[in-house]
Protein backbone atom coordinates (compact mmCIF):
# COMPACT_ATOMS: atom_id res chain seq x y z
CA MET A 1 9.17 -4.06 -13.79
CA ARG A 2 5.72 -3.07 -15.07
CA TRP A 3 3.56 -0.49 -13.35
CA GLN A 4 -0.24 -0.29 -13.84
CA LEU A 5 0.04 3.38 -14.63
CA PHE A 6 2.24 2.60 -17.69
CA SER A 7 0.68 -0.71 -18.70
CA ASP A 8 -0.08 0.57 -22.20
CA LEU A 9 3.43 1.93 -22.86
CA PRO A 10 5.92 -0.13 -24.90
CA PRO A 11 9.05 -1.26 -22.97
CA GLU A 12 11.34 1.16 -24.75
CA GLU A 13 9.12 4.09 -23.72
CA ILE A 14 9.13 2.92 -20.08
CA ARG A 15 12.93 2.83 -20.25
CA ARG A 16 12.93 6.38 -21.50
CA VAL A 17 10.65 7.44 -18.68
CA LEU A 18 12.94 5.88 -16.11
CA THR A 19 15.94 7.77 -17.51
CA THR A 20 14.20 10.99 -16.50
CA ALA A 21 13.18 9.66 -13.09
CA ARG A 22 15.32 9.94 -9.99
CA ARG A 23 16.32 6.65 -8.43
CA ARG A 24 15.93 6.72 -4.66
CA THR A 25 16.76 4.08 -2.02
CA PHE A 26 15.34 3.90 1.48
CA SER A 27 16.32 2.03 4.62
CA ARG A 28 13.79 0.38 6.91
CA GLY A 29 11.73 3.00 8.73
CA GLU A 30 12.92 5.90 6.55
CA VAL A 31 10.23 8.42 5.63
CA VAL A 32 9.77 9.24 1.94
CA PHE A 33 7.62 12.25 2.67
CA HIS A 34 5.44 13.58 5.52
CA GLU A 35 1.78 14.46 5.61
CA GLY A 36 1.51 18.13 4.75
CA ASP A 37 4.75 18.29 2.70
CA PRO A 38 4.62 19.98 -0.76
CA ALA A 39 3.62 17.41 -3.36
CA ASP A 40 5.66 17.44 -6.58
CA SER A 41 6.34 13.81 -7.58
CA LEU A 42 5.06 10.31 -8.12
CA HIS A 43 6.97 7.32 -6.72
CA LEU A 44 7.10 4.08 -8.71
CA VAL A 45 7.99 1.21 -6.40
CA GLU A 46 10.82 -0.91 -7.76
CA LYS A 47 11.43 -3.06 -4.70
CA GLY A 48 10.48 -3.21 -1.03
CA ARG A 49 7.23 -2.16 0.58
CA PHE A 50 5.93 1.17 1.97
CA ALA A 51 3.30 2.01 4.56
CA VAL A 52 0.89 4.89 3.84
CA ARG A 53 -0.11 6.49 7.15
CA VAL A 54 -2.12 9.44 8.37
CA THR A 55 -2.48 11.20 11.71
CA THR A 56 -6.03 11.22 13.14
CA ALA A 57 -7.76 14.00 15.00
CA LEU A 58 -6.77 12.24 18.25
CA ALA A 59 -3.09 12.32 17.22
CA ASP A 60 -3.10 8.53 16.63
CA THR A 61 -1.39 7.07 13.54
CA ALA A 62 -3.48 5.00 11.14
CA THR A 63 -2.07 2.87 8.37
CA LEU A 64 -4.16 3.23 5.22
CA ALA A 65 -2.35 0.99 2.75
CA ILE A 66 0.79 -0.95 1.94
CA ARG A 67 2.46 -0.40 -1.48
CA GLY A 68 4.83 -2.91 -3.05
CA PRO A 69 6.77 -3.55 -6.29
CA GLY A 70 4.78 -2.68 -9.42
CA GLU A 71 2.65 -0.21 -7.49
CA ALA A 72 2.95 3.55 -7.00
CA PHE A 73 2.17 6.26 -4.48
CA GLY A 74 1.90 10.02 -4.60
CA GLU A 75 -0.35 10.01 -7.69
CA LEU A 76 -2.36 13.02 -6.48
CA ALA A 77 0.78 15.16 -6.91
CA LEU A 78 0.30 14.80 -10.66
CA VAL A 79 -3.13 16.34 -10.72
CA SER A 80 -3.29 18.63 -7.69
CA ASP A 81 -1.25 21.33 -5.99
CA ALA A 82 -2.52 20.30 -2.52
CA PRO A 83 0.11 19.15 0.00
CA ARG A 84 0.76 15.48 0.71
CA SER A 85 -2.31 13.84 2.29
CA ALA A 86 -0.34 11.07 4.08
CA THR A 87 3.06 10.11 5.34
CA VAL A 88 4.84 7.29 3.50
CA ALA A 89 7.68 5.29 5.11
CA ALA A 90 9.62 2.25 4.01
CA LEU A 91 8.89 -0.98 5.88
CA GLU A 92 12.09 -2.60 4.67
CA PRO A 93 15.07 -1.69 2.44
CA ALA A 94 13.35 -0.34 -0.64
CA GLU A 95 13.77 1.54 -3.91
CA THR A 96 11.57 3.84 -5.99
CA HIS A 97 11.75 5.86 -9.19
CA SER A 98 10.67 9.41 -8.42
CA LEU A 99 8.94 11.04 -11.40
CA TYR A 100 8.38 14.81 -11.13
CA ARG A 101 5.38 16.56 -12.53
CA ARG A 102 7.23 18.28 -15.35
CA GLU A 103 8.45 14.94 -16.68
CA PHE A 104 5.06 13.39 -16.31
CA ASP A 105 3.42 16.33 -18.11
CA GLN A 106 5.78 15.75 -21.06
CA LEU A 107 4.87 12.03 -20.98
CA ARG A 108 1.17 12.92 -21.10
CA ARG A 109 1.79 15.15 -24.12
CA ASP A 110 3.65 12.41 -25.96
CA HIS A 111 1.21 9.64 -24.92
CA PRO A 112 -2.25 11.00 -24.21
CA HIS A 113 -3.53 7.53 -23.23
CA VAL A 114 -1.42 7.83 -20.04
CA ASP A 115 -4.12 10.20 -18.81
CA ARG A 116 -6.64 7.41 -19.08
CA MET A 117 -4.49 5.09 -17.04
CA LEU A 118 -3.96 7.81 -14.40
CA VAL A 119 -7.75 8.29 -14.12
CA ALA A 120 -8.16 4.48 -13.86
CA VAL A 121 -5.60 4.29 -11.05
CA LEU A 122 -7.17 7.13 -9.13
CA ALA A 123 -10.69 5.67 -9.70
CA ALA A 124 -9.49 2.31 -8.28
CA GLU A 125 -8.28 4.18 -5.18
CA VAL A 126 -11.69 5.87 -4.76
CA ARG A 127 -13.48 2.51 -5.12
CA ARG A 128 -11.12 0.95 -2.55
CA MET A 129 -11.86 3.76 -0.08
CA ASP A 130 -15.60 3.31 -0.69
CA GLU A 131 -15.26 -0.40 0.16
CA LEU A 132 -13.39 0.34 3.32
CA ILE A 133 -16.07 2.84 4.40
CA VAL A 134 -18.83 0.30 3.80
CA GLU A 135 -16.82 -2.29 5.74
CA ALA A 136 -16.34 0.15 8.63
CA PHE A 137 -20.11 0.58 8.92
CA TYR A 138 -21.36 -2.94 8.26
CA LEU A 139 -18.65 -5.44 9.21
CA SER A 140 -17.46 -6.38 12.60
CA ALA A 141 -13.92 -5.38 13.70
CA GLU A 142 -13.04 -9.06 13.85
CA LYS A 143 -14.03 -9.61 10.27
CA ARG A 144 -12.07 -6.51 9.13
CA VAL A 145 -8.93 -7.79 10.86
CA ARG A 146 -9.18 -11.14 9.00
CA ARG A 147 -9.78 -9.33 5.65
CA ARG A 148 -6.78 -7.05 6.08
CA LEU A 149 -4.55 -9.93 7.02
CA ARG A 150 -5.82 -11.83 3.95
CA ASP A 151 -5.02 -8.76 1.80
CA LEU A 152 -1.57 -8.51 3.31
CA ALA A 153 -0.95 -12.21 2.59
CA ALA A 154 -1.49 -11.38 -1.04
CA VAL A 155 0.95 -8.44 -0.83
CA TYR A 156 3.68 -10.53 0.85
CA GLY A 157 2.90 -13.85 -0.82
CA GLY A 158 4.10 -15.09 -4.19
CA GLY A 159 4.60 -18.78 -3.60
CA SER A 160 3.23 -21.79 -1.81
CA GLY A 161 3.67 -22.42 1.85
CA PRO A 162 3.56 -20.08 4.88
CA ILE A 163 3.38 -16.36 4.15
CA THR A 164 5.09 -14.05 6.65
CA VAL A 165 3.61 -10.63 7.05
CA PRO A 166 6.33 -8.53 8.85
CA LEU A 167 3.94 -5.89 10.21
CA THR A 168 3.12 -5.10 13.86
CA GLN A 169 -0.29 -5.63 15.32
CA GLU A 170 -0.48 -1.86 15.60
CA ASP A 171 -0.10 -1.58 11.85
CA LEU A 172 -2.79 -4.21 11.29
CA ALA A 173 -5.07 -2.36 13.73
CA GLY A 174 -4.64 0.83 11.67
CA LEU A 175 -5.47 -1.01 8.43
CA ALA A 176 -8.55 -2.61 10.00
CA GLY A 177 -9.72 0.53 11.77
CA THR A 178 -9.78 -1.05 15.25
CA SER A 179 -7.67 -1.38 18.38
CA ARG A 180 -4.50 -3.37 18.89
CA ALA A 181 -6.27 -5.33 21.63
CA THR A 182 -8.91 -6.50 19.14
CA VAL A 183 -6.21 -7.47 16.60
CA ASN A 184 -4.36 -9.45 19.27
CA ARG A 185 -7.53 -11.28 20.30
CA VAL A 186 -8.44 -12.22 16.72
CA LEU A 187 -4.94 -13.37 15.90
CA ARG A 188 -4.79 -15.50 19.01
CA GLU A 189 -8.05 -17.11 17.99
CA GLU A 190 -6.71 -17.82 14.50
CA GLU A 191 -3.50 -19.13 15.99
CA LEU A 192 -5.49 -21.66 18.05
CA ARG A 193 -7.26 -22.79 14.87
CA GLY A 194 -3.94 -23.21 13.07
CA ALA A 195 -4.52 -20.54 10.49
CA VAL A 196 -1.64 -18.29 11.65
CA SER A 197 1.46 -18.30 13.80
CA LEU A 198 2.45 -15.21 15.80
CA GLY A 199 5.93 -13.90 16.26
CA ARG A 200 7.56 -10.66 17.41
CA GLY A 201 6.50 -7.94 14.97
CA LYS A 202 5.11 -10.41 12.42
CA THR A 203 2.32 -12.83 11.63
CA THR A 204 2.77 -15.94 9.53
CA VAL A 205 -0.27 -17.13 7.59
CA LEU A 206 -0.16 -20.95 7.67
CA ASP A 207 -3.58 -21.66 6.12
CA LEU A 208 -4.66 -18.90 3.72
CA GLU A 209 -7.73 -20.80 2.57
CA MET A 210 -9.03 -21.10 6.13
CA LEU A 211 -8.31 -17.45 6.83
CA THR A 212 -10.09 -16.45 3.57
CA ARG A 213 -13.17 -18.44 4.41
CA ARG A 214 -13.41 -16.78 7.81
CA ALA A 215 -12.93 -13.37 6.24
CA GLN A 216 -15.96 -13.77 3.97
């Protein structure tokens, strides 16, 4: 497994890093950490997928992102003493390598270029948040729903044929910043066009090209 954060490290050094990390396994629905918890470690995703969620001022839950194999979450714990800014939970049986700050600090001393990669990862997150803010102001909710479903198809894809996204419409609503009713209406429209097929707690993308065109 290769993680963006360590893309410049040779394989033997990555193996050394993993020997200092704590291997953790999670069952479906299990919480890795809660919003407001002390932050002391980075999680490298080995397998499975995780939802990153926050609680809004109205006590609603909004899904901000989905993290899968080769990605990481909890990066801010490496550069800040602030508590966790979101709750992360496993969407399916999953596994991570938990790297604590003291081990990461040693890695930074041994390989200063890791700092550059950490900055790049955090900068990419900031750019992503900027894009979502612009979309929230200037794109319709319907368009945002299609874009998030397109993005999720990339996360859950990996081959030809139908792509099943095993997330609820509530999760998709959180990612798109809209209501479940809007998500349901958009998905029903796409189902009538033949772009998707709806099931209990999942959406199957049948025609990604069509969905992508309508998301533009």
